[in-house]
């Protein structure tokens, strides 16, 4: 540990995991803790966020966890204010909430489309909307938003609403990074490719793999030029760099963590 995050207060929105194991938000929270951060963790799943908080505390970090609906404006405003009340400041906002629902625009009903926009894009908007005033008072900060390569290209399954929302996350982050650069508030995006997190077995195997997790894993591994999916720690190390002062001259851009998938031939 080199204390890249010493004296920084980090909010991780979406800090739980859908099943046992290392989800992206969970791994990021623990890595921030290992690097000296104080953590304020939020997830809609109370048990999941408390499990992450337990792991963060084992790293010796200060931590507080709350369950909350991050698509709700009042909830996000209240929780970020609570973070500042408890820890005195907000230095890093890590927006990790997201999830895909399969379907083309023809197949998808309006309610599902709206829910996908809320889950994947509105949560990022709300996190940034309420974090920036606190960062301004503290003299600056860093925002890390998590998108997906689905926002760049088709990846084999029609997930039209998710793809549109994640493309929106990328462009929103670029716009925020430019707009607040002079206020020393940086905003960047981590763009995961095909990752092997608990989501694969817990949800995607049923949605896309005919309940055959091993076949789905083999298919996803074969799609990647490196020959295998990444994992949550690959995302965490990219986020750590963007959150740290090592990235003090980096804003309005992305780190793509995909094993070469975006630059490979169409699926």
Protein backbone atom coordinates (compact mmCIF):
# COMPACT_ATOMS: atom_id res chain seq x y z
CA UNK A 1 0.00 0.00 0.00
CA UNK A 2 1.27 3.47 -0.92
CA UNK A 3 -1.65 5.50 0.43
CA UNK A 4 -2.80 6.91 -2.91
CA UNK A 5 -6.12 7.81 -1.29
CA UNK A 6 -4.88 9.04 2.08
CA UNK A 7 -7.17 11.71 3.61
CA UNK A 8 -9.72 11.32 0.80
CA UNK A 9 -13.40 10.67 1.47
CA UNK A 10 -14.91 8.43 -1.20
CA UNK A 11 -18.56 7.69 -1.90
CA UNK A 12 -19.14 4.42 -3.75
CA UNK A 13 -22.67 4.27 -5.12
CA UNK A 14 -23.50 0.67 -5.97
CA UNK A 15 -21.05 -0.81 -3.48
CA UNK A 16 -22.76 -4.15 -3.00
CA UNK A 17 -22.70 -7.27 -5.13
CA UNK A 18 -25.61 -9.24 -6.61
CA UNK A 19 -24.17 -12.50 -5.24
CA UNK A 20 -21.18 -13.68 -3.19
CA UNK A 21 -17.86 -12.77 -4.74
CA UNK A 22 -16.22 -9.63 -6.06
CA UNK A 23 -18.50 -7.27 -7.93
CA UNK A 24 -17.07 -4.07 -9.39
CA UNK A 25 -18.28 -1.72 -6.68
CA UNK A 26 -17.24 -4.06 -3.89
CA UNK A 27 -13.70 -4.47 -5.23
CA UNK A 28 -13.34 -0.73 -5.83
CA UNK A 29 -14.43 0.08 -2.28
CA UNK A 30 -11.94 -2.37 -0.77
CA UNK A 31 -9.09 -1.13 -2.97
CA UNK A 32 -9.81 2.49 -2.06
CA UNK A 33 -9.71 1.42 1.59
CA UNK A 34 -6.37 -0.34 1.14
CA UNK A 35 -5.00 2.89 -0.27
CA UNK A 36 -6.02 4.95 2.76
CA UNK A 37 -9.49 6.30 1.89
CA UNK A 38 -12.46 6.86 4.17
CA UNK A 39 -15.50 5.19 2.61
CA UNK A 40 -19.19 6.06 2.48
CA UNK A 41 -20.96 3.13 0.81
CA UNK A 42 -24.43 3.07 -0.73
CA UNK A 43 -26.45 0.28 -2.31
CA UNK A 44 -30.13 -0.58 -2.57
CA UNK A 45 -29.35 -4.00 -1.02
CA UNK A 46 -28.78 -3.48 2.70
CA UNK A 47 -27.15 -6.86 3.33
CA UNK A 48 -24.83 -6.48 0.33
CA UNK A 49 -23.60 -3.01 1.27
CA UNK A 50 -23.07 -4.05 4.88
CA UNK A 51 -20.94 -6.99 3.67
CA UNK A 52 -18.77 -4.59 1.68
CA UNK A 53 -18.52 -2.31 4.72
CA UNK A 54 -17.32 -5.26 6.81
CA UNK A 55 -14.55 -5.97 4.31
CA UNK A 56 -13.59 -2.29 4.17
CA UNK A 57 -13.40 -2.15 7.96
CA UNK A 58 -11.09 -5.18 7.93
CA UNK A 59 -8.69 -3.07 5.88
CA UNK A 60 -8.53 -0.61 8.79
CA UNK A 61 -10.49 2.13 7.01
CA UNK A 62 -13.23 4.33 8.38
CA UNK A 63 -16.51 3.36 6.76
CA UNK A 64 -20.23 3.97 6.88
CA UNK A 65 -22.84 2.09 4.85
CA UNK A 66 -26.39 3.04 3.92
CA UNK A 67 -29.10 1.35 1.89
CA UNK A 68 -30.93 3.60 -0.53
CA UNK A 69 -32.58 3.96 -3.92
CA UNK A 70 -30.04 5.83 -6.03
CA UNK A 71 -32.64 6.65 -8.68
CA UNK A 72 -34.37 8.89 -6.11
CA UNK A 73 -33.28 12.53 -6.04
CA UNK A 74 -34.11 13.16 -2.37
CA UNK A 75 -32.31 9.99 -1.29
CA UNK A 76 -29.10 10.83 -3.13
CA UNK A 77 -29.12 14.40 -1.85
CA UNK A 78 -29.69 13.22 1.73
CA UNK A 79 -27.02 10.52 1.67
CA UNK A 80 -24.28 12.71 0.19
CA UNK A 81 -25.07 15.41 2.75
CA UNK A 82 -24.85 12.74 5.45
CA UNK A 83 -21.42 11.73 4.14
CA UNK A 84 -20.17 15.30 4.49
CA UNK A 85 -21.74 15.63 7.94
CA UNK A 86 -20.01 12.46 9.11
CA UNK A 87 -16.61 12.83 7.47
CA UNK A 88 -16.28 16.55 6.78
CA UNK A 89 -15.89 16.46 3.02
CA UNK A 90 -16.50 14.56 -0.23
CA UNK A 91 -13.45 14.10 -2.44
CA UNK A 92 -14.38 11.25 -4.78
CA UNK A 93 -17.76 10.24 -6.20
CA UNK A 94 -17.75 6.75 -7.72
CA UNK A 95 -20.97 6.01 -9.62
CA UNK A 96 -21.17 2.26 -10.15
CA UNK A 97 -24.92 1.60 -10.38
CA UNK A 98 -26.07 -0.24 -13.49
CA UNK A 99 -27.56 -3.33 -15.03
CA UNK A 100 -28.83 -4.49 -18.40
CA UNK A 101 -32.21 -5.73 -19.57
CA UNK A 102 -32.24 -7.64 -22.86
CA UNK A 103 -34.32 -6.46 -25.77
CA UNK A 104 -34.46 -4.40 -28.94
CA UNK A 105 -36.33 -1.11 -29.11
CA UNK A 106 -39.17 -2.94 -30.86
CA UNK A 107 -39.48 -5.58 -28.15
CA UNK A 108 -38.98 -3.33 -25.13
CA UNK A 109 -41.95 -1.61 -23.53
CA UNK A 110 -41.79 1.99 -22.41
CA UNK A 111 -41.69 1.13 -18.70
CA UNK A 112 -38.63 -1.08 -19.16
CA UNK A 113 -36.90 1.57 -21.28
CA UNK A 114 -37.55 4.22 -18.64
CA UNK A 115 -36.34 1.93 -15.86
CA UNK A 116 -33.11 1.25 -17.77
CA UNK A 117 -32.51 4.97 -18.25
CA UNK A 118 -33.13 5.60 -14.56
CA UNK A 119 -30.93 2.74 -13.41
CA UNK A 120 -27.98 3.35 -15.72
CA UNK A 121 -27.98 7.08 -16.52
CA UNK A 122 -30.14 8.95 -14.02
CA UNK A 123 -28.16 7.47 -11.14
CA UNK A 124 -24.99 8.96 -12.63
CA UNK A 125 -26.67 12.31 -13.14
CA UNK A 126 -27.93 12.39 -9.55
CA UNK A 127 -24.58 11.36 -8.10
CA UNK A 128 -22.78 14.09 -10.03
CA UNK A 129 -25.55 16.66 -9.48
CA UNK A 130 -25.35 16.36 -5.71
CA UNK A 131 -21.62 15.66 -5.35
CA UNK A 132 -20.30 18.65 -7.30
CA UNK A 133 -21.46 21.35 -4.83
CA UNK A 134 -19.74 19.48 -1.98
CA UNK A 135 -16.57 19.11 -4.05
CA UNK A 136 -16.60 22.79 -4.91
CA UNK A 137 -16.68 23.67 -1.21
CA UNK A 138 -13.72 21.34 -0.66
CA UNK A 139 -11.66 22.88 -3.44
CA UNK A 140 -12.07 20.11 -6.01
CA UNK A 141 -12.58 16.41 -6.44
CA UNK A 142 -12.78 13.46 -8.77
CA UNK A 143 -15.80 11.72 -10.26
CA UNK A 144 -15.51 8.20 -11.65
CA UNK A 145 -18.48 6.93 -13.63
CA UNK A 146 -18.74 3.32 -14.74
CA UNK A 147 -20.08 2.72 -18.26
CA UNK A 148 -19.74 -0.31 -20.58
CA UNK A 149 -18.32 -1.22 -23.96
CA UNK A 150 -21.97 -1.74 -24.91
CA UNK A 151 -22.05 2.05 -25.16
CA UNK A 152 -19.40 1.84 -27.90
CA UNK A 153 -20.37 -1.21 -29.93
CA UNK A 154 -22.72 -4.16 -30.27
CA UNK A 155 -21.47 -7.04 -28.12
CA UNK A 156 -23.61 -9.93 -29.31
CA UNK A 157 -26.89 -9.49 -27.43
CA UNK A 158 -29.50 -6.81 -28.16
CA UNK A 159 -29.54 -4.62 -25.04
CA UNK A 160 -30.61 -1.41 -26.71
CA UNK A 161 -31.67 0.65 -23.69
CA UNK A 162 -28.57 -0.30 -21.72
CA UNK A 163 -26.33 0.52 -24.69
CA UNK A 164 -27.96 3.93 -25.12
CA UNK A 165 -27.72 4.70 -21.42
CA UNK A 166 -24.06 3.69 -21.16
CA UNK A 167 -23.20 5.77 -24.24
CA UNK A 168 -24.91 8.60 -22.39
CA UNK A 169 -22.73 8.02 -19.33
CA UNK A 170 -19.58 8.37 -21.45
CA UNK A 171 -20.67 11.61 -23.10
CA UNK A 172 -22.11 13.08 -19.89
CA UNK A 173 -18.79 12.41 -18.15
CA UNK A 174 -16.86 14.14 -20.92
CA UNK A 175 -19.13 17.17 -20.70
CA UNK A 176 -18.83 17.35 -16.92
CA UNK A 177 -15.05 17.02 -17.10
CA UNK A 178 -14.78 20.00 -19.44
CA UNK A 179 -17.35 22.15 -17.63
CA UNK A 180 -15.75 21.83 -14.20
CA UNK A 181 -12.07 21.59 -15.11
CA UNK A 182 -11.27 25.10 -13.88
CA UNK A 183 -12.84 24.25 -10.51
CA UNK A 184 -10.45 21.31 -10.11
CA UNK A 185 -13.30 18.81 -10.36
CA UNK A 186 -12.24 16.01 -12.68
CA UNK A 187 -14.71 13.57 -14.26
CA UNK A 188 -13.71 10.39 -16.08
CA UNK A 189 -15.24 7.06 -17.03
CA UNK A 190 -14.15 3.48 -16.59
CA UNK A 191 -15.52 1.40 -19.48
CA UNK A 192 -15.60 -2.33 -18.65
CA UNK A 193 -15.74 -4.98 -21.32
CA UNK A 194 -16.82 -8.55 -20.67
CA UNK A 195 -16.10 -9.10 -16.99
CA UNK A 196 -16.42 -12.24 -14.88
CA UNK A 197 -18.19 -10.97 -11.78
CA UNK A 198 -20.96 -12.66 -9.75
CA UNK A 199 -23.45 -11.07 -12.15
CA UNK A 200 -22.56 -13.65 -14.80
CA UNK A 201 -23.78 -16.64 -12.82
CA UNK A 202 -26.47 -14.83 -10.82
CA UNK A 203 -28.27 -13.03 -13.64
CA UNK A 204 -26.76 -13.24 -17.12
CA UNK A 205 -26.78 -17.03 -17.30
CA UNK A 206 -30.55 -16.90 -17.02
CA UNK A 207 -31.04 -13.89 -19.28
CA UNK A 208 -28.67 -14.83 -22.07
CA UNK A 209 -27.23 -18.31 -21.47
CA UNK A 210 -30.22 -20.67 -21.21
CA UNK A 211 -29.24 -21.17 -17.57
CA UNK A 212 -25.94 -22.72 -18.64
CA UNK A 213 -23.37 -20.57 -16.87
CA UNK A 214 -20.34 -22.55 -18.04
CA UNK A 215 -21.36 -22.29 -21.69
CA UNK A 216 -21.93 -18.56 -21.32
CA UNK A 217 -18.55 -18.10 -19.63
CA UNK A 218 -16.81 -20.01 -22.43
CA UNK A 219 -18.59 -17.91 -25.06
CA UNK A 220 -17.67 -14.65 -23.36
CA UNK A 221 -14.05 -15.71 -22.93
CA UNK A 222 -13.85 -16.57 -26.63
CA UNK A 223 -15.10 -13.13 -27.65
CA UNK A 224 -12.13 -11.36 -26.04
CA UNK A 225 -8.81 -11.03 -27.92
CA UNK A 226 -6.92 -11.87 -24.72
CA UNK A 227 -8.91 -15.09 -24.51
CA UNK A 228 -10.61 -14.45 -21.20
CA UNK A 229 -12.86 -12.03 -19.37
CA UNK A 230 -11.52 -9.52 -16.89
CA UNK A 231 -12.57 -9.32 -13.27
CA UNK A 232 -13.64 -6.70 -10.76
CA UNK A 233 -10.07 -5.95 -9.71
CA UNK A 234 -9.23 -4.85 -13.24
CA UNK A 235 -11.96 -2.23 -12.91
CA UNK A 236 -10.85 -1.29 -9.41
CA UNK A 237 -7.26 -0.50 -10.41
CA UNK A 238 -8.42 1.69 -13.29
CA UNK A 239 -10.78 3.54 -10.95
CA UNK A 240 -8.04 3.93 -8.34
CA UNK A 241 -5.80 5.67 -10.84
CA UNK A 242 -8.55 8.07 -11.92
CA UNK A 243 -9.52 8.82 -8.32
CA UNK A 244 -5.96 9.46 -7.17
CA UNK A 245 -3.75 12.50 -7.57
CA UNK A 246 -1.70 10.49 -10.05
CA UNK A 247 -4.47 11.40 -12.52
CA UNK A 248 -4.45 15.11 -11.64
CA UNK A 249 -4.13 16.08 -15.33
CA UNK A 250 -6.69 13.55 -16.58
CA UNK A 251 -10.30 14.59 -17.15
CA UNK A 252 -13.14 14.24 -19.65
CA UNK A 253 -11.89 10.89 -20.94
CA UNK A 254 -12.17 7.14 -20.44
CA UNK A 255 -10.11 4.11 -19.52
CA UNK A 256 -11.39 1.10 -21.47
CA UNK A 257 -10.81 -2.16 -19.58
CA UNK A 258 -11.80 -4.82 -22.08
CA UNK A 259 -8.91 -7.06 -23.12
CA UNK A 260 -9.00 -5.54 -26.62
CA UNK A 261 -12.70 -6.21 -27.28
CA UNK A 262 -13.65 -2.79 -28.64
CA UNK A 263 -10.88 -2.87 -31.22
CA UNK A 264 -11.55 -6.44 -32.33
CA UNK A 265 -13.71 -7.59 -35.24
CA UNK A 266 -17.51 -7.47 -34.89
CA UNK A 267 -19.08 -10.23 -32.80
